[in-house]
Amino acid sequence: NKLLMITADYCVYCQIWEKEIGKIYPKTDISKSFPLERIELDEYSISNDSDNYETKITPTFVFFKEKEEIGRIIGYSSAEMFWWQVDEILDRD
């Protein structure tokens, strides 16, 4: 299981996410089940995963359980919305 964050150096919303969520995410219960793994968009675009899980928007957060995608969050607007979307994904699973 993992939470894959597709990011980019030039992504302002990625930087905001890092300030608002990135610092606390490792301390959350969710991180125990879905540890965060970051990958740059350029690296992701040439990886094998990108064939199955295409994205062009950063940040994109992809939740994997047993190597299968169970949900994704495209973009970042606020901490409140992010946690709501996380809950929606995990409640569906």
C-alpha atoms as a PDB file:
ATOM      1  CA  ASN A   1       0.000   0.000   0.000  1.00  0.00           C
ATOM      2  CA  LYS A   2       1.110   3.550  -0.641  1.00  0.00           C
ATOM      3  CA  LEU A   3       0.043   7.080  -1.424  1.00  0.00           C
ATOM      4  CA  LEU A   4       1.922   8.252  -4.498  1.00  0.00           C
ATOM      5  CA  MET A   5       2.254  12.027  -4.850  1.00  0.00           C
ATOM      6  CA  ILE A   6       3.082  13.165  -8.360  1.00  0.00           C
ATOM      7  CA  THR A   7       4.721  16.551  -7.988  1.00  0.00           C
ATOM      8  CA  ALA A   8       6.879  19.100  -9.807  1.00  0.00           C
ATOM      9  CA  ASP A   9       9.415  21.692  -8.665  1.00  0.00           C
ATOM     10  CA  TYR A  10       7.474  24.486 -10.369  1.00  0.00           C
ATOM     11  CA  CYS A  11       4.112  23.455  -8.869  1.00  0.00           C
ATOM     12  CA  VAL A  12       2.873  26.155  -6.483  1.00  0.00           C
ATOM     13  CA  TYR A  13       0.021  23.973  -5.194  1.00  0.00           C
ATOM     14  CA  CYS A  14       2.503  21.180  -4.430  1.00  0.00           C
ATOM     15  CA  GLN A  15       4.466  23.629  -2.286  1.00  0.00           C
ATOM     16  CA  ILE A  16       1.297  24.709  -0.480  1.00  0.00           C
ATOM     17  CA  TRP A  17       0.383  21.041   0.135  1.00  0.00           C
ATOM     18  CA  GLU A  18       3.858  20.415   1.542  1.00  0.00           C
ATOM     19  CA  LYS A  19       3.435  23.294   4.018  1.00  0.00           C
ATOM     20  CA  GLU A  20      -0.134  22.444   5.028  1.00  0.00           C
ATOM     21  CA  ILE A  21      -0.167  18.630   4.872  1.00  0.00           C
ATOM     22  CA  GLY A  22       3.297  17.303   4.045  1.00  0.00           C
ATOM     23  CA  LYS A  23       4.717  18.107   7.465  1.00  0.00           C
ATOM     24  CA  ILE A  24       1.939  16.363   9.391  1.00  0.00           C
ATOM     25  CA  TYR A  25       1.101  13.485   7.031  1.00  0.00           C
ATOM     26  CA  PRO A  26       3.815  11.154   8.424  1.00  0.00           C
ATOM     27  CA  LYS A  27       2.276  11.571  11.897  1.00  0.00           C
ATOM     28  CA  THR A  28      -1.242  10.545  10.815  1.00  0.00           C
ATOM     29  CA  ASP A  29      -2.857   7.123  11.148  1.00  0.00           C
ATOM     30  CA  ILE A  30      -3.448   7.116   7.392  1.00  0.00           C
ATOM     31  CA  SER A  31       0.300   7.285   6.761  1.00  0.00           C
ATOM     32  CA  LYS A  32       0.723   3.987   8.600  1.00  0.00           C
ATOM     33  CA  SER A  33      -1.511   2.260   6.052  1.00  0.00           C
ATOM     34  CA  PHE A  34      -0.561   4.440   3.079  1.00  0.00           C
ATOM     35  CA  PRO A  35       3.022   5.711   3.401  1.00  0.00           C
ATOM     36  CA  LEU A  36       3.740   8.691   1.174  1.00  0.00           C
ATOM     37  CA  GLU A  37       6.009   8.292  -1.824  1.00  0.00           C
ATOM     38  CA  ARG A  38       6.823  11.357  -3.918  1.00  0.00           C
ATOM     39  CA  ILE A  39       7.767  11.250  -7.588  1.00  0.00           C
ATOM     40  CA  GLU A  40       8.485  14.088  -9.997  1.00  0.00           C
ATOM     41  CA  LEU A  41       6.080  14.357 -12.931  1.00  0.00           C
ATOM     42  CA  ASP A  42       8.976  14.043 -15.397  1.00  0.00           C
ATOM     43  CA  GLU A  43      10.151  10.812 -13.754  1.00  0.00           C
ATOM     44  CA  TYR A  44       6.607   9.489 -13.503  1.00  0.00           C
ATOM     45  CA  SER A  45       5.941  10.173 -17.188  1.00  0.00           C
ATOM     46  CA  ILE A  46       8.724   7.783 -18.204  1.00  0.00           C
ATOM     47  CA  SER A  47       7.948   5.126 -15.582  1.00  0.00           C
ATOM     48  CA  ASN A  48       6.001   1.939 -16.246  1.00  0.00           C
ATOM     49  CA  ASP A  49       3.180   3.089 -13.962  1.00  0.00           C
ATOM     50  CA  SER A  50       2.391   6.044 -16.210  1.00  0.00           C
ATOM     51  CA  ASP A  51       1.172   3.652 -18.917  1.00  0.00           C
ATOM     52  CA  ASN A  52      -1.640   2.591 -16.607  1.00  0.00           C
ATOM     53  CA  TYR A  53      -2.159   5.730 -14.548  1.00  0.00           C
ATOM     54  CA  GLU A  54      -1.638   8.749 -16.793  1.00  0.00           C
ATOM     55  CA  THR A  55      -1.607  12.209 -15.257  1.00  0.00           C
ATOM     56  CA  LYS A  56      -0.549  15.655 -16.395  1.00  0.00           C
ATOM     57  CA  ILE A  57      -1.678  17.706 -13.394  1.00  0.00           C
ATOM     58  CA  THR A  58       0.350  18.284 -10.245  1.00  0.00           C
ATOM     59  CA  PRO A  59      -0.131  17.513  -7.554  1.00  0.00           C
ATOM     60  CA  THR A  60      -1.916  14.243  -8.168  1.00  0.00           C
ATOM     61  CA  PHE A  61      -2.283  11.794  -5.292  1.00  0.00           C
ATOM     62  CA  VAL A  62      -2.830   8.132  -6.164  1.00  0.00           C
ATOM     63  CA  PHE A  63      -3.821   5.626  -3.490  1.00  0.00           C
ATOM     64  CA  PHE A  64      -2.643   2.067  -4.101  1.00  0.00           C
ATOM     65  CA  LYS A  65      -3.765  -0.975  -2.144  1.00  0.00           C
ATOM     66  CA  GLU A  66      -2.050  -4.250  -3.004  1.00  0.00           C
ATOM     67  CA  LYS A  67      -0.648  -2.591  -6.164  1.00  0.00           C
ATOM     68  CA  GLU A  68      -4.117  -1.626  -7.442  1.00  0.00           C
ATOM     69  CA  GLU A  69      -5.290   1.969  -7.648  1.00  0.00           C
ATOM     70  CA  ILE A  70      -8.210   2.545  -5.288  1.00  0.00           C
ATOM     71  CA  GLY A  71      -8.558   6.287  -5.827  1.00  0.00           C
ATOM     72  CA  ARG A  72      -6.915   9.531  -6.759  1.00  0.00           C
ATOM     73  CA  ILE A  73      -7.027  13.182  -5.907  1.00  0.00           C
ATOM     74  CA  ILE A  74      -6.194  15.583  -8.712  1.00  0.00           C
ATOM     75  CA  GLY A  75      -4.975  18.985  -7.632  1.00  0.00           C
ATOM     76  CA  TYR A  76      -4.990  20.652  -4.233  1.00  0.00           C
ATOM     77  CA  SER A  77      -7.219  23.446  -2.994  1.00  0.00           C
ATOM     78  CA  SER A  78      -7.222  23.241   0.806  1.00  0.00           C
ATOM     79  CA  ALA A  79      -6.373  20.973   3.719  1.00  0.00           C
ATOM     80  CA  GLU A  80     -10.062  20.535   4.532  1.00  0.00           C
ATOM     81  CA  MET A  81     -10.895  19.421   0.988  1.00  0.00           C
ATOM     82  CA  PHE A  82      -7.860  17.129   0.820  1.00  0.00           C
ATOM     83  CA  TRP A  83      -8.807  15.255   4.017  1.00  0.00           C
ATOM     84  CA  TRP A  84     -12.435  15.030   2.889  1.00  0.00           C
ATOM     85  CA  GLN A  85     -11.320  13.467  -0.414  1.00  0.00           C
ATOM     86  CA  VAL A  86      -9.014  11.058   1.433  1.00  0.00           C
ATOM     87  CA  ASP A  87     -11.921   9.966   3.642  1.00  0.00           C
ATOM     88  CA  GLU A  88     -14.133   9.471   0.583  1.00  0.00           C
ATOM     89  CA  ILE A  89     -11.522   7.248  -1.087  1.00  0.00           C
ATOM     90  CA  LEU A  90     -10.856   5.164   2.011  1.00  0.00           C
ATOM     91  CA  ASP A  91     -14.560   4.825   2.872  1.00  0.00           C
ATOM     92  CA  ARG A  92     -15.242   3.413  -0.626  1.00  0.00           C
ATOM     93  CA  ASP A  93     -12.532   0.816  -0.255  1.00  0.00           C
END
